Amino acid sequence: MRNKDLASDYITRAGNRLAAVELLFERKSYADVVRESQELVELCLKGLLRLARVEVPRLHDVGPLLLDARDRLPADVRPHTDALAKISKQMRRDRELSFYGSEDLTPSDFYQQEDAKKALEDARWVHSICSSVLGKK
């Protein structure tokens, strides 16, 4: 891990996604809110892991890595590690379904306002935790 600016880049890009997710919510594109919120959370948590000098694999749920690296995370983040890992796991579950759907599920019909509201609230919270230690909002 040589690129010291990558963690900051992740949180900056996550902040840009947050603005996009809020617009998607306003437009009632609830499946897209769920999908983009997951990507935002993934970027934030991978930024935390990079900050902790943990090699970040190419997978979408990094919750188990956060739990393993709890002692290496900034002290302000440690009390939130379980909740961050739980959100990562929950959002990973909906990643593909919210984007592609399936033969028996159309994302725009399946995901409702409450699903999107929860995803957006979780994304905002994760972004606030991560941006506070990564130095950008």
N, C-alpha and C. Protein backbone atom coordinates (compact mmCIF):
# COMPACT_ATOMS: atom_id res chain seq x y z
N MET A 1 0.84 -1.18 0.00
CA MET A 1 0.00 0.00 0.00
C MET A 1 0.89 1.24 0.00
N ARG A 2 1.14 1.72 -1.16
CA ARG A 2 2.03 2.87 -1.29
C ARG A 2 1.30 4.19 -1.47
N ASN A 3 0.09 4.13 -1.99
CA ASN A 3 -0.65 5.34 -2.31
C ASN A 3 -1.36 5.88 -1.07
N LYS A 4 -0.75 6.87 -0.45
CA LYS A 4 -1.28 7.43 0.79
C LYS A 4 -2.53 8.28 0.56
N ASP A 5 -2.74 8.74 -0.65
CA ASP A 5 -3.88 9.59 -0.95
C ASP A 5 -5.14 8.80 -1.30
N LEU A 6 -5.02 7.50 -1.44
CA LEU A 6 -6.14 6.70 -1.89
C LEU A 6 -7.30 6.70 -0.89
N ALA A 7 -7.02 6.62 0.39
CA ALA A 7 -8.08 6.64 1.40
C ALA A 7 -8.85 7.96 1.34
N SER A 8 -8.15 9.05 1.19
CA SER A 8 -8.82 10.35 1.07
C SER A 8 -9.63 10.44 -0.22
N ASP A 9 -9.11 9.87 -1.28
CA ASP A 9 -9.84 9.85 -2.54
C ASP A 9 -11.14 9.06 -2.40
N TYR A 10 -11.06 7.94 -1.70
CA TYR A 10 -12.27 7.13 -1.49
C TYR A 10 -13.36 7.93 -0.78
N ILE A 11 -12.99 8.65 0.26
CA ILE A 11 -14.00 9.38 1.03
C ILE A 11 -14.53 10.57 0.24
N THR A 12 -13.68 11.19 -0.55
CA THR A 12 -14.14 12.29 -1.41
C THR A 12 -15.15 11.78 -2.43
N ARG A 13 -14.82 10.67 -3.07
CA ARG A 13 -15.72 10.09 -4.06
C ARG A 13 -17.00 9.57 -3.42
N ALA A 14 -16.90 9.06 -2.20
CA ALA A 14 -18.10 8.63 -1.48
C ALA A 14 -19.01 9.84 -1.20
N GLY A 15 -18.41 10.97 -0.87
CA GLY A 15 -19.20 12.19 -0.65
C GLY A 15 -19.92 12.63 -1.91
N ASN A 16 -19.26 12.49 -3.05
CA ASN A 16 -19.92 12.80 -4.32
C ASN A 16 -21.08 11.84 -4.58
N ARG A 17 -20.89 10.58 -4.26
CA ARG A 17 -21.97 9.61 -4.41
C ARG A 17 -23.14 9.93 -3.48
N LEU A 18 -22.82 10.41 -2.29
CA LEU A 18 -23.88 10.76 -1.35
C LEU A 18 -24.80 11.83 -1.95
N ALA A 19 -24.22 12.82 -2.58
CA ALA A 19 -25.04 13.85 -3.23
C ALA A 19 -25.90 13.23 -4.34
N ALA A 20 -25.32 12.30 -5.09
CA ALA A 20 -26.08 11.63 -6.15
C ALA A 20 -27.20 10.77 -5.57
N VAL A 21 -26.92 10.08 -4.48
CA VAL A 21 -27.94 9.23 -3.85
C VAL A 21 -29.10 10.08 -3.34
N GLU A 22 -28.79 11.23 -2.78
CA GLU A 22 -29.87 12.10 -2.30
C GLU A 22 -30.76 12.56 -3.47
N LEU A 23 -30.16 12.83 -4.61
CA LEU A 23 -30.94 13.19 -5.80
C LEU A 23 -31.78 12.00 -6.28
N LEU A 24 -31.19 10.82 -6.28
CA LEU A 24 -31.94 9.63 -6.67
C LEU A 24 -33.13 9.40 -5.74
N PHE A 25 -32.94 9.66 -4.46
CA PHE A 25 -34.06 9.52 -3.51
C PHE A 25 -35.16 10.52 -3.83
N GLU A 26 -34.79 11.76 -4.09
CA GLU A 26 -35.77 12.79 -4.45
C GLU A 26 -36.56 12.37 -5.70
N ARG A 27 -35.89 11.71 -6.63
CA ARG A 27 -36.54 11.29 -7.87
C ARG A 27 -37.26 9.95 -7.74
N LYS A 28 -37.27 9.42 -6.53
CA LYS A 28 -37.97 8.16 -6.21
C LYS A 28 -37.41 6.97 -6.99
N SER A 29 -36.13 7.00 -7.24
CA SER A 29 -35.44 5.89 -7.89
C SER A 29 -34.86 5.00 -6.78
N TYR A 30 -35.75 4.31 -6.09
CA TYR A 30 -35.39 3.64 -4.84
C TYR A 30 -34.40 2.49 -5.02
N ALA A 31 -34.51 1.73 -6.07
CA ALA A 31 -33.55 0.65 -6.31
C ALA A 31 -32.15 1.23 -6.51
N ASP A 32 -32.05 2.36 -7.20
CA ASP A 32 -30.75 2.99 -7.42
C ASP A 32 -30.19 3.57 -6.13
N VAL A 33 -31.04 4.04 -5.26
CA VAL A 33 -30.59 4.53 -3.95
C VAL A 33 -29.93 3.38 -3.18
N VAL A 34 -30.57 2.22 -3.20
CA VAL A 34 -30.02 1.06 -2.50
C VAL A 34 -28.67 0.68 -3.09
N ARG A 35 -28.59 0.59 -4.41
CA ARG A 35 -27.34 0.18 -5.06
C ARG A 35 -26.21 1.20 -4.81
N GLU A 36 -26.48 2.45 -5.06
CA GLU A 36 -25.43 3.46 -4.92
C GLU A 36 -25.02 3.66 -3.46
N SER A 37 -25.96 3.47 -2.55
CA SER A 37 -25.60 3.56 -1.13
C SER A 37 -24.60 2.47 -0.77
N GLN A 38 -24.79 1.29 -1.32
CA GLN A 38 -23.84 0.19 -1.06
C GLN A 38 -22.45 0.57 -1.55
N GLU A 39 -22.35 1.13 -2.74
CA GLU A 39 -21.04 1.51 -3.27
C GLU A 39 -20.40 2.59 -2.42
N LEU A 40 -21.20 3.54 -1.96
CA LEU A 40 -20.71 4.60 -1.09
C LEU A 40 -20.14 4.01 0.20
N VAL A 41 -20.89 3.11 0.81
CA VAL A 41 -20.44 2.48 2.06
C VAL A 41 -19.17 1.67 1.81
N GLU A 42 -19.13 0.95 0.72
CA GLU A 42 -17.94 0.15 0.39
C GLU A 42 -16.71 1.04 0.27
N LEU A 43 -16.83 2.17 -0.42
CA LEU A 43 -15.69 3.09 -0.55
C LEU A 43 -15.26 3.63 0.82
N CYS A 44 -16.21 4.03 1.63
CA CYS A 44 -15.88 4.56 2.96
C CYS A 44 -15.13 3.54 3.80
N LEU A 45 -15.65 2.33 3.83
CA LEU A 45 -15.04 1.31 4.69
C LEU A 45 -13.69 0.86 4.16
N LYS A 46 -13.53 0.83 2.85
CA LYS A 46 -12.21 0.51 2.29
C LYS A 46 -11.22 1.62 2.59
N GLY A 47 -11.70 2.86 2.65
CA GLY A 47 -10.83 3.96 3.07
C GLY A 47 -10.36 3.79 4.50
N LEU A 48 -11.26 3.37 5.38
CA LEU A 48 -10.88 3.10 6.78
C LEU A 48 -9.83 2.01 6.86
N LEU A 49 -10.05 0.95 6.09
CA LEU A 49 -9.10 -0.16 6.11
C LEU A 49 -7.73 0.28 5.60
N ARG A 50 -7.71 1.09 4.56
CA ARG A 50 -6.43 1.59 4.05
C ARG A 50 -5.74 2.44 5.12
N LEU A 51 -6.53 3.26 5.82
CA LEU A 51 -5.98 4.07 6.90
C LEU A 51 -5.34 3.19 7.97
N ALA A 52 -5.93 2.03 8.21
CA ALA A 52 -5.42 1.09 9.20
C ALA A 52 -4.32 0.19 8.64
N ARG A 53 -3.91 0.46 7.41
CA ARG A 53 -2.86 -0.30 6.72
C ARG A 53 -3.23 -1.76 6.50
N VAL A 54 -4.51 -1.97 6.19
CA VAL A 54 -5.00 -3.31 5.87
C VAL A 54 -5.12 -3.40 4.35
N GLU A 55 -4.56 -4.43 3.78
CA GLU A 55 -4.68 -4.64 2.34
C GLU A 55 -6.15 -4.89 2.02
N VAL A 56 -6.67 -4.11 1.10
CA VAL A 56 -8.10 -4.17 0.78
C VAL A 56 -8.32 -5.08 -0.43
N PRO A 57 -9.01 -6.20 -0.21
CA PRO A 57 -9.27 -7.12 -1.32
C PRO A 57 -10.39 -6.59 -2.21
N ARG A 58 -10.53 -7.19 -3.35
CA ARG A 58 -11.59 -6.79 -4.29
C ARG A 58 -12.84 -7.60 -4.00
N LEU A 59 -13.48 -7.24 -2.90
CA LEU A 59 -14.76 -7.83 -2.55
C LEU A 59 -15.64 -6.72 -1.99
N HIS A 60 -16.94 -6.97 -1.94
CA HIS A 60 -17.88 -5.90 -1.64
C HIS A 60 -18.25 -5.78 -0.17
N ASP A 61 -18.17 -6.84 0.59
CA ASP A 61 -18.45 -6.78 2.03
C ASP A 61 -17.14 -6.89 2.78
N VAL A 62 -16.68 -5.76 3.29
CA VAL A 62 -15.42 -5.74 4.03
C VAL A 62 -15.66 -5.73 5.54
N GLY A 63 -16.89 -5.98 5.95
CA GLY A 63 -17.22 -6.01 7.37
C GLY A 63 -16.35 -6.94 8.19
N PRO A 64 -16.14 -8.19 7.75
CA PRO A 64 -15.27 -9.08 8.53
C PRO A 64 -13.85 -8.54 8.68
N LEU A 65 -13.34 -7.87 7.66
CA LEU A 65 -12.00 -7.27 7.76
C LEU A 65 -11.97 -6.14 8.78
N LEU A 66 -13.04 -5.36 8.82
CA LEU A 66 -13.13 -4.29 9.83
C LEU A 66 -13.09 -4.87 11.23
N LEU A 67 -13.85 -5.93 11.44
CA LEU A 67 -13.88 -6.56 12.76
C LEU A 67 -12.50 -7.11 13.14
N ASP A 68 -11.82 -7.72 12.18
CA ASP A 68 -10.48 -8.26 12.44
C ASP A 68 -9.47 -7.14 12.74
N ALA A 69 -9.68 -5.98 12.11
CA ALA A 69 -8.73 -4.86 12.25
C ALA A 69 -9.17 -3.83 13.28
N ARG A 70 -10.15 -4.17 14.08
CA ARG A 70 -10.73 -3.21 15.04
C ARG A 70 -9.65 -2.46 15.82
N ASP A 71 -8.64 -3.16 16.32
CA ASP A 71 -7.61 -2.52 17.14
C ASP A 71 -6.69 -1.60 16.34
N ARG A 72 -6.73 -1.72 15.03
CA ARG A 72 -5.89 -0.87 14.18
C ARG A 72 -6.65 0.36 13.67
N LEU A 73 -7.95 0.38 13.88
CA LEU A 73 -8.76 1.51 13.44
C LEU A 73 -8.60 2.68 14.39
N PRO A 74 -8.88 3.90 13.92
CA PRO A 74 -8.82 5.06 14.82
C PRO A 74 -9.73 4.85 16.03
N ALA A 75 -9.31 5.34 17.17
CA ALA A 75 -10.04 5.14 18.42
C ALA A 75 -11.49 5.62 18.33
N ASP A 76 -11.74 6.70 17.60
CA ASP A 76 -13.10 7.22 17.47
C ASP A 76 -14.03 6.28 16.71
N VAL A 77 -13.45 5.41 15.90
CA VAL A 77 -14.24 4.51 15.05
C VAL A 77 -14.53 3.18 15.76
N ARG A 78 -13.63 2.76 16.61
CA ARG A 78 -13.74 1.42 17.23
C ARG A 78 -15.10 1.12 17.86
N PRO A 79 -15.72 2.06 18.58
CA PRO A 79 -17.03 1.74 19.17
C PRO A 79 -18.12 1.46 18.13
N HIS A 80 -17.89 1.87 16.89
CA HIS A 80 -18.88 1.72 15.83
C HIS A 80 -18.59 0.54 14.90
N THR A 81 -17.54 -0.20 15.18
CA THR A 81 -17.10 -1.25 14.26
C THR A 81 -18.18 -2.30 14.00
N ASP A 82 -18.85 -2.75 15.03
CA ASP A 82 -19.89 -3.77 14.84
C ASP A 82 -21.01 -3.25 13.93
N ALA A 83 -21.45 -2.03 14.17
CA ALA A 83 -22.51 -1.44 13.35
C ALA A 83 -22.06 -1.24 11.91
N LEU A 84 -20.83 -0.80 11.72
CA LEU A 84 -20.29 -0.62 10.36
C LEU A 84 -20.25 -1.95 9.62
N ALA A 85 -19.80 -3.00 10.30
CA ALA A 85 -19.72 -4.33 9.69
C ALA A 85 -21.12 -4.85 9.35
N LYS A 86 -22.07 -4.60 10.22
CA LYS A 86 -23.44 -5.05 9.98
C LYS A 86 -24.04 -4.35 8.75
N ILE A 87 -23.83 -3.05 8.64
CA ILE A 87 -24.32 -2.30 7.48
C ILE A 87 -23.67 -2.81 6.21
N SER A 88 -22.37 -3.07 6.26
CA SER A 88 -21.67 -3.59 5.09
C SER A 88 -22.29 -4.90 4.62
N LYS A 89 -22.56 -5.78 5.55
CA LYS A 89 -23.15 -7.08 5.22
C LYS A 89 -24.56 -6.94 4.64
N GLN A 90 -25.36 -6.11 5.27
CA GLN A 90 -26.73 -5.91 4.79
C GLN A 90 -26.76 -5.32 3.39
N MET A 91 -25.91 -4.33 3.17
CA MET A 91 -25.92 -3.68 1.86
C MET A 91 -25.35 -4.58 0.78
N ARG A 92 -24.38 -5.40 1.12
CA ARG A 92 -23.81 -6.33 0.15
C ARG A 92 -24.88 -7.28 -0.38
N ARG A 93 -25.75 -7.68 0.49
CA ARG A 93 -26.81 -8.62 0.12
C ARG A 93 -27.69 -8.07 -1.01
N ASP A 94 -27.91 -6.77 -1.02
CA ASP A 94 -28.79 -6.16 -2.02
C ASP A 94 -28.05 -5.60 -3.23
N ARG A 95 -26.75 -5.70 -3.25
CA ARG A 95 -25.96 -5.07 -4.31
C ARG A 95 -26.41 -5.47 -5.72
N GLU A 96 -26.36 -6.74 -6.03
CA GLU A 96 -26.71 -7.17 -7.38
C GLU A 96 -28.21 -7.11 -7.64
N LEU A 97 -28.99 -7.52 -6.66
CA LEU A 97 -30.43 -7.56 -6.83
C LEU A 97 -31.00 -6.17 -7.13
N SER A 98 -30.50 -5.16 -6.45
CA SER A 98 -31.00 -3.80 -6.66
C SER A 98 -30.59 -3.24 -8.02
N PHE A 99 -29.56 -3.80 -8.61
CA PHE A 99 -29.08 -3.31 -9.90
C PHE A 99 -29.64 -4.12 -11.06
N TYR A 100 -29.52 -5.43 -10.97
CA TYR A 100 -29.90 -6.29 -12.08
C TYR A 100 -31.29 -6.89 -11.96
N GLY A 101 -31.75 -7.08 -10.73
CA GLY A 101 -33.00 -7.78 -10.53
C GLY A 101 -32.81 -9.26 -10.81
N SER A 102 -33.91 -9.96 -11.11
CA SER A 102 -33.86 -11.37 -11.48
C SER A 102 -35.11 -11.68 -12.29
N GLU A 103 -35.22 -12.90 -12.72
CA GLU A 103 -36.37 -13.28 -13.54
C GLU A 103 -37.69 -13.03 -12.83
N ASP A 104 -37.69 -13.15 -11.52
CA ASP A 104 -38.94 -12.96 -10.79
C ASP A 104 -38.96 -11.68 -9.95
N LEU A 105 -38.03 -10.76 -10.22
CA LEU A 105 -37.97 -9.54 -9.43
C LEU A 105 -37.48 -8.38 -10.29
N THR A 106 -38.26 -7.33 -10.35
CA THR A 106 -37.88 -6.09 -11.03
C THR A 106 -37.49 -5.08 -9.96
N PRO A 107 -36.25 -4.60 -9.97
CA PRO A 107 -35.78 -3.73 -8.88
C PRO A 107 -36.68 -2.53 -8.60
N SER A 108 -37.16 -1.86 -9.64
CA SER A 108 -37.98 -0.66 -9.43
C SER A 108 -39.32 -0.97 -8.78
N ASP A 109 -39.79 -2.19 -8.94
CA ASP A 109 -41.03 -2.59 -8.27
C ASP A 109 -40.77 -3.11 -6.86
N PHE A 110 -39.64 -3.77 -6.68
CA PHE A 110 -39.33 -4.43 -5.41
C PHE A 110 -38.91 -3.45 -4.32
N TYR A 111 -37.98 -2.55 -4.63
CA TYR A 111 -37.46 -1.63 -3.62
C TYR A 111 -38.40 -0.44 -3.46
N GLN A 112 -38.79 -0.21 -2.22
CA GLN A 112 -39.75 0.82 -1.90
C GLN A 112 -39.07 1.96 -1.13
N GLN A 113 -39.83 3.00 -0.86
CA GLN A 113 -39.30 4.18 -0.19
C GLN A 113 -38.62 3.84 1.13
N GLU A 114 -39.20 2.95 1.92
CA GLU A 114 -38.61 2.59 3.21
C GLU A 114 -37.25 1.92 3.05
N ASP A 115 -37.10 1.08 2.02
CA ASP A 115 -35.81 0.44 1.74
C ASP A 115 -34.77 1.50 1.41
N ALA A 116 -35.16 2.43 0.55
CA ALA A 116 -34.24 3.49 0.14
C ALA A 116 -33.91 4.43 1.29
N LYS A 117 -34.90 4.73 2.10
CA LYS A 117 -34.67 5.61 3.25
C LYS A 117 -33.66 5.01 4.21
N LYS A 118 -33.81 3.72 4.48
CA LYS A 118 -32.86 3.03 5.38
C LYS A 118 -31.46 3.02 4.78
N ALA A 119 -31.36 2.70 3.48
CA ALA A 119 -30.05 2.67 2.82
C ALA A 119 -29.40 4.05 2.86
N LEU A 120 -30.17 5.09 2.58
CA LEU A 120 -29.63 6.45 2.59
C LEU A 120 -29.20 6.87 3.99
N GLU A 121 -30.01 6.57 4.99
CA GLU A 121 -29.64 6.90 6.38
C GLU A 121 -28.36 6.18 6.78
N ASP A 122 -28.25 4.90 6.46
CA ASP A 122 -27.04 4.15 6.78
C ASP A 122 -25.84 4.73 6.04
N ALA A 123 -26.02 5.06 4.79
CA ALA A 123 -24.92 5.62 4.00
C ALA A 123 -24.46 6.95 4.57
N ARG A 124 -25.39 7.79 4.94
CA ARG A 124 -25.03 9.09 5.56
C ARG A 124 -24.24 8.88 6.84
N TRP A 125 -24.70 7.93 7.66
CA TRP A 125 -24.04 7.68 8.94
C TRP A 125 -22.62 7.14 8.73
N VAL A 126 -22.49 6.15 7.86
CA VAL A 126 -21.16 5.58 7.58
C VAL A 126 -20.24 6.66 7.02
N HIS A 127 -20.75 7.48 6.12
CA HIS A 127 -19.93 8.55 5.55
C HIS A 127 -19.49 9.54 6.63
N SER A 128 -20.38 9.87 7.55
CA SER A 128 -20.01 10.83 8.61
C SER A 128 -18.93 10.25 9.53
N ILE A 129 -19.04 8.97 9.87
CA ILE A 129 -18.03 8.33 10.71
C ILE A 129 -16.68 8.32 9.99
N CYS A 130 -16.69 7.90 8.76
CA CYS A 130 -15.44 7.75 8.01
C CYS A 130 -14.82 9.10 7.65
N SER A 131 -15.65 10.05 7.26
CA SER A 131 -15.10 11.36 6.88
C SER A 131 -14.51 12.07 8.08
N SER A 132 -15.01 11.79 9.27
CA SER A 132 -14.46 12.46 10.46
C SER A 132 -13.02 12.04 10.72
N VAL A 133 -12.67 10.81 10.35
CA VAL A 133 -11.28 10.36 10.59
C VAL A 133 -10.42 10.44 9.34
N LEU A 134 -11.04 10.51 8.19
CA LEU A 134 -10.27 10.63 6.95
C LEU A 134 -10.08 12.08 6.52
N GLY A 135 -10.69 13.00 7.28
CA GLY A 135 -10.39 14.40 7.11
C GLY A 135 -11.12 15.16 6.03
N LYS A 136 -12.09 14.55 5.35
CA LYS A 136 -12.82 15.26 4.31
C LYS A 136 -14.29 14.99 4.46
N LYS A 137 -15.11 15.98 4.11
CA LYS A 137 -16.56 15.82 4.15
C LYS A 137 -17.17 16.21 2.86
